[in-house]
PDB file of all heavy atoms in Angstrom:
ATOM      1  N   GLU A   1      -1.355  72.122 151.123  1.00  0.00           N
ATOM      2  CA  GLU A   1      -1.077  70.997 150.398  1.00  0.00           C
ATOM      3  C   GLU A   1      -2.285  70.149 150.050  1.00  0.00           C
ATOM      4  O   GLU A   1      -2.386  69.651 148.958  1.00  0.00           O
ATOM      5  CB  GLU A   1      -0.029  70.075 151.149  1.00  0.00           C
ATOM      6  CG  GLU A   1       1.320  70.782 151.249  1.00  0.00           C
ATOM      7  CD  GLU A   1       2.235  70.292 152.387  1.00  0.00           C
ATOM      8  OE1 GLU A   1       1.770  69.295 153.106  1.00  0.00           O
ATOM      9  OE2 GLU A   1       3.296  70.803 152.596  1.00  0.00           O
ATOM     10  N   GLN A   2      -3.206  70.016 151.014  1.00  0.00           N
ATOM     11  CA  GLN A   2      -4.433  69.280 150.784  1.00  0.00           C
ATOM     12  C   GLN A   2      -5.290  69.948 149.707  1.00  0.00           C
ATOM     13  O   GLN A   2      -6.044  69.271 149.022  1.00  0.00           O
ATOM     14  CB  GLN A   2      -5.184  69.083 152.097  1.00  0.00           C
ATOM     15  CG  GLN A   2      -4.609  68.140 153.075  1.00  0.00           C
ATOM     16  CD  GLN A   2      -5.311  68.119 154.393  1.00  0.00           C
ATOM     17  OE1 GLN A   2      -6.470  68.618 154.556  1.00  0.00           O
ATOM     18  NE2 GLN A   2      -4.720  67.464 155.418  1.00  0.00           N
ATOM     19  N   ARG A   3      -5.155  71.286 149.620  1.00  0.00           N
ATOM     20  CA  ARG A   3      -5.929  72.023 148.628  1.00  0.00           C
ATOM     21  C   ARG A   3      -5.273  72.141 147.238  1.00  0.00           C
ATOM     22  O   ARG A   3      -5.730  72.828 146.389  1.00  0.00           O
ATOM     23  CB  ARG A   3      -6.281  73.395 149.173  1.00  0.00           C
ATOM     24  CG  ARG A   3      -7.076  73.377 150.464  1.00  0.00           C
ATOM     25  CD  ARG A   3      -7.260  74.752 151.043  1.00  0.00           C
ATOM     26  NE  ARG A   3      -7.830  74.651 152.384  1.00  0.00           N
ATOM     27  CZ  ARG A   3      -8.182  75.723 153.181  1.00  0.00           C
ATOM     28  NH1 ARG A   3      -8.145  76.925 152.610  1.00  0.00           N
ATOM     29  NH2 ARG A   3      -8.604  75.577 154.396  1.00  0.00           N
ATOM     30  N   GLY A   4      -4.049  71.541 147.224  1.00  0.00           N
ATOM     31  CA  GLY A   4      -3.306  71.663 145.982  1.00  0.00           C
ATOM     32  C   GLY A   4      -2.690  72.984 145.692  1.00  0.00           C
ATOM     33  O   GLY A   4      -2.397  73.351 144.568  1.00  0.00           O
ATOM     34  N   ILE A   5      -2.445  73.817 146.772  1.00  0.00           N
ATOM     35  CA  ILE A   5      -1.882  75.124 146.640  1.00  0.00           C
ATOM     36  C   ILE A   5      -0.367  75.058 146.909  1.00  0.00           C
ATOM     37  O   ILE A   5       0.045  74.596 147.948  1.00  0.00           O
ATOM     38  CB  ILE A   5      -2.545  76.152 147.679  1.00  0.00           C
ATOM     39  CG1 ILE A   5      -4.013  76.272 147.303  1.00  0.00           C
ATOM     40  CG2 ILE A   5      -1.825  77.421 147.602  1.00  0.00           C
ATOM     41  CD1 ILE A   5      -4.795  77.122 148.309  1.00  0.00           C
ATOM     42  N   LYS A   6       0.384  75.464 145.997  1.00  0.00           N
ATOM     43  CA  LYS A   6       1.844  75.404 146.085  1.00  0.00           C
ATOM     44  C   LYS A   6       2.333  76.523 147.069  1.00  0.00           C
ATOM     45  O   LYS A   6       1.793  77.537 147.186  1.00  0.00           O
ATOM     46  CB  LYS A   6       2.531  75.622 144.785  1.00  0.00           C
ATOM     47  CG  LYS A   6       2.207  74.545 143.686  1.00  0.00           C
ATOM     48  CD  LYS A   6       2.925  74.907 142.347  1.00  0.00           C
ATOM     49  CE  LYS A   6       2.518  73.830 141.291  1.00  0.00           C
ATOM     50  NZ  LYS A   6       3.146  74.199 139.985  1.00  0.00           N
ATOM     51  N   TRP A   7       3.387  76.140 147.795  1.00  0.00           N
ATOM     52  CA  TRP A   7       4.020  77.127 148.715  1.00  0.00           C
ATOM     53  C   TRP A   7       5.545  76.937 148.594  1.00  0.00           C
ATOM     54  O   TRP A   7       6.035  75.862 148.246  1.00  0.00           O
ATOM     55  CB  TRP A   7       3.581  76.996 150.144  1.00  0.00           C
ATOM     56  CG  TRP A   7       3.867  75.712 150.781  1.00  0.00           C
ATOM     57  CD1 TRP A   7       3.096  74.499 150.787  1.00  0.00           C
ATOM     58  CD2 TRP A   7       5.150  75.321 151.438  1.00  0.00           C
ATOM     59  NE1 TRP A   7       3.757  73.512 151.461  1.00  0.00           N
ATOM     60  CE2 TRP A   7       4.988  73.936 151.891  1.00  0.00           C
ATOM     61  CE3 TRP A   7       6.281  75.991 151.734  1.00  0.00           C
ATOM     62  CZ2 TRP A   7       5.977  73.315 152.514  1.00  0.00           C
ATOM     63  CZ3 TRP A   7       7.301  75.308 152.429  1.00  0.00           C
ATOM     64  CH2 TRP A   7       7.129  73.992 152.798  1.00  0.00           C
ATOM     65  N   GLY A   8       6.277  77.962 148.905  1.00  0.00           N
ATOM     66  CA  GLY A   8       7.750  77.827 148.867  1.00  0.00           C
ATOM     67  C   GLY A   8       8.397  78.802 149.836  1.00  0.00           C
ATOM     68  O   GLY A   8       7.718  79.451 150.556  1.00  0.00           O
ATOM     69  N   ILE A   9       9.678  78.794 149.733  1.00  0.00           N
ATOM     70  CA  ILE A   9      10.528  79.548 150.691  1.00  0.00           C
ATOM     71  C   ILE A   9      11.485  80.448 149.846  1.00  0.00           C
ATOM     72  O   ILE A   9      12.153  79.980 149.008  1.00  0.00           O
ATOM     73  CB  ILE A   9      11.328  78.668 151.614  1.00  0.00           C
ATOM     74  CG1 ILE A   9      10.361  77.774 152.530  1.00  0.00           C
ATOM     75  CG2 ILE A   9      12.292  79.478 152.489  1.00  0.00           C
ATOM     76  CD1 ILE A   9      11.101  76.626 153.253  1.00  0.00           C
ATOM     77  N   VAL A  10      11.429  81.751 150.194  1.00  0.00           N
ATOM     78  CA  VAL A  10      12.450  82.695 149.629  1.00  0.00           C
ATOM     79  C   VAL A  10      13.104  83.427 150.808  1.00  0.00           C
ATOM     80  O   VAL A  10      12.430  84.130 151.521  1.00  0.00           O
ATOM     81  CB  VAL A  10      11.778  83.648 148.644  1.00  0.00           C
ATOM     82  CG1 VAL A  10      12.896  84.587 148.051  1.00  0.00           C
ATOM     83  CG2 VAL A  10      11.001  82.949 147.533  1.00  0.00           C
ATOM     84  N   THR A  11      14.351  83.243 150.921  1.00  0.00           N
ATOM     85  CA  THR A  11      15.125  83.847 152.114  1.00  0.00           C
ATOM     86  C   THR A  11      16.417  84.494 151.598  1.00  0.00           C
ATOM     87  O   THR A  11      16.922  84.113 150.509  1.00  0.00           O
ATOM     88  CB  THR A  11      15.414  82.757 153.124  1.00  0.00           C
ATOM     89  OG1 THR A  11      16.220  83.342 154.134  1.00  0.00           O
ATOM     90  CG2 THR A  11      16.150  81.613 152.498  1.00  0.00           C
ATOM     91  N   ASN A  12      16.941  85.470 152.334  1.00  0.00           N
ATOM     92  CA  ASN A  12      18.236  85.996 151.989  1.00  0.00           C
ATOM     93  C   ASN A  12      19.382  85.179 152.685  1.00  0.00           C
ATOM     94  O   ASN A  12      20.516  85.482 152.430  1.00  0.00           O
ATOM     95  CB  ASN A  12      18.291  87.417 152.530  1.00  0.00           C
ATOM     96  CG  ASN A  12      17.707  88.373 151.444  1.00  0.00           C
ATOM     97  OD1 ASN A  12      17.254  88.045 150.377  1.00  0.00           O
ATOM     98  ND2 ASN A  12      17.690  89.709 151.751  1.00  0.00           N
ATOM     99  N   LYS A  13      18.981  84.245 153.441  1.00  0.00           N
ATOM    100  CA  LYS A  13      19.997  83.301 154.047  1.00  0.00           C
ATOM    101  C   LYS A  13      20.658  82.531 152.939  1.00  0.00           C
ATOM    102  O   LYS A  13      20.009  82.011 152.005  1.00  0.00           O
ATOM    103  CB  LYS A  13      19.292  82.340 155.010  1.00  0.00           C
ATOM    104  CG  LYS A  13      20.193  81.547 155.905  1.00  0.00           C
ATOM    105  CD  LYS A  13      19.421  80.491 156.705  1.00  0.00           C
ATOM    106  CE  LYS A  13      18.271  81.009 157.512  1.00  0.00           C
ATOM    107  NZ  LYS A  13      18.631  81.722 158.638  1.00  0.00           N
ATOM    108  N   PHE A  14      22.010  82.386 152.965  1.00  0.00           N
ATOM    109  CA  PHE A  14      22.703  81.677 151.943  1.00  0.00           C
ATOM    110  C   PHE A  14      22.362  80.196 151.985  1.00  0.00           C
ATOM    111  O   PHE A  14      21.926  79.672 152.944  1.00  0.00           O
ATOM    112  CB  PHE A  14      24.212  81.834 152.162  1.00  0.00           C
ATOM    113  CG  PHE A  14      24.746  83.167 151.643  1.00  0.00           C
ATOM    114  CD1 PHE A  14      23.964  84.139 151.167  1.00  0.00           C
ATOM    115  CD2 PHE A  14      26.165  83.356 151.746  1.00  0.00           C
ATOM    116  CE1 PHE A  14      24.449  85.384 150.785  1.00  0.00           C
ATOM    117  CE2 PHE A  14      26.643  84.586 151.329  1.00  0.00           C
ATOM    118  CZ  PHE A  14      25.880  85.579 150.799  1.00  0.00           C
ATOM    119  N   ALA A  15      22.516  79.593 150.792  1.00  0.00           N
ATOM    120  CA  ALA A  15      22.071  78.122 150.600  1.00  0.00           C
ATOM    121  C   ALA A  15      22.768  77.227 151.573  1.00  0.00           C
ATOM    122  O   ALA A  15      22.192  76.276 152.039  1.00  0.00           O
ATOM    123  CB  ALA A  15      22.322  77.721 149.178  1.00  0.00           C
ATOM    124  N   ARG A  16      24.049  77.475 151.958  1.00  0.00           N
ATOM    125  CA  ARG A  16      24.770  76.599 152.827  1.00  0.00           C
ATOM    126  C   ARG A  16      24.128  76.519 154.178  1.00  0.00           C
ATOM    127  O   ARG A  16      24.315  75.537 154.890  1.00  0.00           O
ATOM    128  CB  ARG A  16      26.232  77.030 152.986  1.00  0.00           C
ATOM    129  CG  ARG A  16      26.441  78.302 153.695  1.00  0.00           C
ATOM    130  CD  ARG A  16      27.901  78.755 153.658  1.00  0.00           C
ATOM    131  NE  ARG A  16      28.571  78.557 154.963  1.00  0.00           N
ATOM    132  CZ  ARG A  16      29.459  79.384 155.426  1.00  0.00           C
ATOM    133  NH1 ARG A  16      29.789  80.482 154.763  1.00  0.00           N
ATOM    134  NH2 ARG A  16      30.029  79.156 156.558  1.00  0.00           N
ATOM    135  N   PHE A  17      23.302  77.516 154.539  1.00  0.00           N
ATOM    136  CA  PHE A  17      22.552  77.507 155.782  1.00  0.00           C
ATOM    137  C   PHE A  17      21.115  77.140 155.517  1.00  0.00           C
ATOM    138  O   PHE A  17      20.519  76.416 156.389  1.00  0.00           O
ATOM    139  CB  PHE A  17      22.625  78.904 156.442  1.00  0.00           C
ATOM    140  CG  PHE A  17      23.980  79.438 156.628  1.00  0.00           C
ATOM    141  CD1 PHE A  17      24.325  80.588 155.933  1.00  0.00           C
ATOM    142  CD2 PHE A  17      24.916  78.795 157.459  1.00  0.00           C
ATOM    143  CE1 PHE A  17      25.637  81.089 156.104  1.00  0.00           C
ATOM    144  CE2 PHE A  17      26.181  79.322 157.592  1.00  0.00           C
ATOM    145  CZ  PHE A  17      26.542  80.511 156.956  1.00  0.00           C
ATOM    146  N   THR A  18      20.524  77.606 154.479  1.00  0.00           N
ATOM    147  CA  THR A  18      19.094  77.364 154.183  1.00  0.00           C
ATOM    148  C   THR A  18      18.773  75.976 153.967  1.00  0.00           C
ATOM    149  O   THR A  18      17.856  75.427 154.607  1.00  0.00           O
ATOM    150  CB  THR A  18      18.622  78.166 152.896  1.00  0.00           C
ATOM    151  OG1 THR A  18      18.993  79.536 153.017  1.00  0.00           O
ATOM    152  CG2 THR A  18      17.228  77.959 152.632  1.00  0.00           C
ATOM    153  N   LEU A  19      19.500  75.311 153.069  1.00  0.00           N
ATOM    154  CA  LEU A  19      19.162  73.918 152.684  1.00  0.00           C
ATOM    155  C   LEU A  19      19.200  72.891 153.816  1.00  0.00           C
ATOM    156  O   LEU A  19      18.278  72.090 154.023  1.00  0.00           O
ATOM    157  CB  LEU A  19      19.945  73.490 151.488  1.00  0.00           C
ATOM    158  CG  LEU A  19      19.760  74.362 150.215  1.00  0.00           C
ATOM    159  CD1 LEU A  19      20.668  73.843 149.040  1.00  0.00           C
ATOM    160  CD2 LEU A  19      18.351  74.402 149.793  1.00  0.00           C
ATOM    161  N   PRO A  20      20.259  72.939 154.635  1.00  0.00           N
ATOM    162  CA  PRO A  20      20.294  71.996 155.814  1.00  0.00           C
ATOM    163  C   PRO A  20      19.212  72.260 156.779  1.00  0.00           C
ATOM    164  O   PRO A  20      18.604  71.375 157.336  1.00  0.00           O
ATOM    165  CB  PRO A  20      21.662  72.208 156.403  1.00  0.00           C
ATOM    166  CG  PRO A  20      22.469  72.797 155.346  1.00  0.00           C
ATOM    167  CD  PRO A  20      21.542  73.681 154.494  1.00  0.00           C
ATOM    168  N   LEU A  21      18.885  73.579 156.996  1.00  0.00           N
ATOM    169  CA  LEU A  21      17.826  73.951 157.911  1.00  0.00           C
ATOM    170  C   LEU A  21      16.443  73.469 157.397  1.00  0.00           C
ATOM    171  O   LEU A  21      15.663  72.896 158.180  1.00  0.00           O
ATOM    172  CB  LEU A  21      17.811  75.426 158.168  1.00  0.00           C
ATOM    173  CG  LEU A  21      16.771  75.983 159.078  1.00  0.00           C
ATOM    174  CD1 LEU A  21      16.898  75.416 160.499  1.00  0.00           C
ATOM    175  CD2 LEU A  21      16.866  77.539 159.206  1.00  0.00           C
ATOM    176  N   VAL A  22      16.117  73.698 156.175  1.00  0.00           N
ATOM    177  CA  VAL A  22      14.939  73.306 155.583  1.00  0.00           C
ATOM    178  C   VAL A  22      14.759  71.798 155.618  1.00  0.00           C
ATOM    179  O   VAL A  22      13.703  71.233 155.986  1.00  0.00           O
ATOM    180  CB  VAL A  22      14.767  73.787 154.085  1.00  0.00           C
ATOM    181  CG1 VAL A  22      13.577  73.225 153.405  1.00  0.00           C
ATOM    182  CG2 VAL A  22      14.672  75.298 154.147  1.00  0.00           C
ATOM    183  N   GLN A  23      15.882  71.082 155.401  1.00  0.00           N
ATOM    184  CA  GLN A  23      15.825  69.601 155.485  1.00  0.00           C
ATOM    185  C   GLN A  23      15.603  69.157 156.882  1.00  0.00           C
ATOM    186  O   GLN A  23      14.822  68.235 157.146  1.00  0.00           O
ATOM    187  CB  GLN A  23      17.126  69.025 154.978  1.00  0.00           C
ATOM    188  CG  GLN A  23      17.137  67.467 154.901  1.00  0.00           C
ATOM    189  CD  GLN A  23      18.350  66.983 154.211  1.00  0.00           C
ATOM    190  OE1 GLN A  23      19.252  67.728 153.809  1.00  0.00           O
ATOM    191  NE2 GLN A  23      18.392  65.665 153.980  1.00  0.00           N
ATOM    192  N   ALA A  24      16.257  69.777 157.844  1.00  0.00           N
ATOM    193  CA  ALA A  24      16.107  69.377 159.268  1.00  0.00           C
ATOM    194  C   ALA A  24      14.685  69.557 159.750  1.00  0.00           C
ATOM    195  O   ALA A  24      14.192  68.931 160.630  1.00  0.00           O
ATOM    196  CB  ALA A  24      17.064  70.164 160.153  1.00  0.00           C
ATOM    197  N   LEU A  25      13.997  70.605 159.211  1.00  0.00           N
ATOM    198  CA  LEU A  25      12.564  70.854 159.574  1.00  0.00           C
ATOM    199  C   LEU A  25      11.602  70.022 158.777  1.00  0.00           C
ATOM    200  O   LEU A  25      10.401  70.221 158.869  1.00  0.00           O
ATOM    201  CB  LEU A  25      12.366  72.321 159.402  1.00  0.00           C
ATOM    202  CG  LEU A  25      13.049  73.315 160.338  1.00  0.00           C
ATOM    203  CD1 LEU A  25      12.837  74.787 159.929  1.00  0.00           C
ATOM    204  CD2 LEU A  25      12.538  73.142 161.774  1.00  0.00           C
ATOM    205  N   ASN A  26      12.123  69.147 157.928  1.00  0.00           N
ATOM    206  CA  ASN A  26      11.326  68.241 157.127  1.00  0.00           C
ATOM    207  C   ASN A  26      10.362  68.985 156.168  1.00  0.00           C
ATOM    208  O   ASN A  26       9.269  68.577 155.929  1.00  0.00           O
ATOM    209  CB  ASN A  26      10.458  67.293 158.076  1.00  0.00           C
ATOM    210  CG  ASN A  26      11.314  66.414 158.925  1.00  0.00           C
ATOM    211  OD1 ASN A  26      12.233  65.771 158.457  1.00  0.00           O
ATOM    212  ND2 ASN A  26      11.022  66.364 160.201  1.00  0.00           N
ATOM    213  N   LEU A  27      10.960  69.979 155.513  1.00  0.00           N
ATOM    214  CA  LEU A  27      10.238  70.830 154.569  1.00  0.00           C
ATOM    215  C   LEU A  27      10.680  70.653 153.152  1.00  0.00           C
ATOM    216  O   LEU A  27      10.023  71.060 152.206  1.00  0.00           O
ATOM    217  CB  LEU A  27      10.234  72.236 154.939  1.00  0.00           C
ATOM    218  CG  LEU A  27       9.661  72.597 156.335  1.00  0.00           C
ATOM    219  CD1 LEU A  27       9.903  74.134 156.563  1.00  0.00           C
ATOM    220  CD2 LEU A  27       8.203  72.354 156.327  1.00  0.00           C
ATOM    221  N   SER A  28      11.855  70.001 152.955  1.00  0.00           N
ATOM    222  CA  SER A  28      12.456  69.966 151.697  1.00  0.00           C
ATOM    223  C   SER A  28      11.626  69.349 150.595  1.00  0.00           C
ATOM    224  O   SER A  28      11.546  69.809 149.504  1.00  0.00           O
ATOM    225  CB  SER A  28      13.806  69.139 151.733  1.00  0.00           C
ATOM    226  OG  SER A  28      14.759  69.791 152.611  1.00  0.00           O
ATOM    227  N   ASN A  29      10.970  68.237 150.933  1.00  0.00           N
ATOM    228  CA  ASN A  29      10.150  67.527 149.889  1.00  0.00           C
ATOM    229  C   ASN A  29       8.734  68.094 149.805  1.00  0.00           C
ATOM    230  O   ASN A  29       7.953  67.587 148.979  1.00  0.00           O
ATOM    231  CB  ASN A  29      10.115  66.083 150.272  1.00  0.00           C
ATOM    232  CG  ASN A  29      11.437  65.353 150.202  1.00  0.00           C
ATOM    233  OD1 ASN A  29      12.278  65.719 149.365  1.00  0.00           O
ATOM    234  ND2 ASN A  29      11.654  64.430 151.101  1.00  0.00           N
ATOM    235  N   ARG A  30       8.426  69.078 150.608  1.00  0.00           N
ATOM    236  CA  ARG A  30       7.106  69.672 150.581  1.00  0.00           C
ATOM    237  C   ARG A  30       7.052  71.048 149.871  1.00  0.00           C
ATOM    238  O   ARG A  30       6.055  71.317 149.220  1.00  0.00           O
ATOM    239  CB  ARG A  30       6.588  69.855 151.985  1.00  0.00           C
ATOM    240  CG  ARG A  30       6.486  68.571 152.804  1.00  0.00           C
ATOM    241  CD  ARG A  30       6.229  68.842 154.309  1.00  0.00           C
ATOM    242  NE  ARG A  30       4.965  69.466 154.496  1.00  0.00           N
ATOM    243  CZ  ARG A  30       4.539  69.881 155.669  1.00  0.00           C
ATOM    244  NH1 ARG A  30       5.337  69.698 156.781  1.00  0.00           N
ATOM    245  NH2 ARG A  30       3.398  70.483 155.864  1.00  0.00           N
ATOM    246  N   ALA A  31       8.115  71.761 149.859  1.00  0.00           N
ATOM    247  CA  ALA A  31       8.109  73.073 149.252  1.00  0.00           C
ATOM    248  C   ALA A  31       8.305  72.971 147.720  1.00  0.00           C
ATOM    249  O   ALA A  31       8.986  72.181 147.210  1.00  0.00           O
ATOM    250  CB  ALA A  31       9.281  73.881 149.818  1.00  0.00           C
ATOM    251  N   ALA A  32       7.457  73.830 147.075  1.00  0.00           N
ATOM    252  CA  ALA A  32       7.576  73.874 145.554  1.00  0.00           C
ATOM    253  C   ALA A  32       8.910  74.500 145.120  1.00  0.00           C
ATOM    254  O   ALA A  32       9.311  74.236 144.026  1.00  0.00           O
ATOM    255  CB  ALA A  32       6.357  74.635 145.050  1.00  0.00           C
ATOM    256  N   CYS A  33       9.463  75.320 145.993  1.00  0.00           N
ATOM    257  CA  CYS A  33      10.797  75.928 145.639  1.00  0.00           C
ATOM    258  C   CYS A  33      11.381  76.379 146.948  1.00  0.00           C
ATOM    259  O   CYS A  33      10.707  76.686 147.900  1.00  0.00           O
ATOM    260  CB  CYS A  33      10.555  77.136 144.678  1.00  0.00           C
ATOM    261  SG  CYS A  33       9.525  78.392 145.447  1.00  0.00           S
TER     262      CYS A  33
END
């Protein structure tokens, strides 16, 4: 992030599980996708 390099998450986990987990880990606002 400090270097301006985008990163994201691609998983086979369904969104109903992925999105709450990513939010709980405080990554939602950091990931480019």
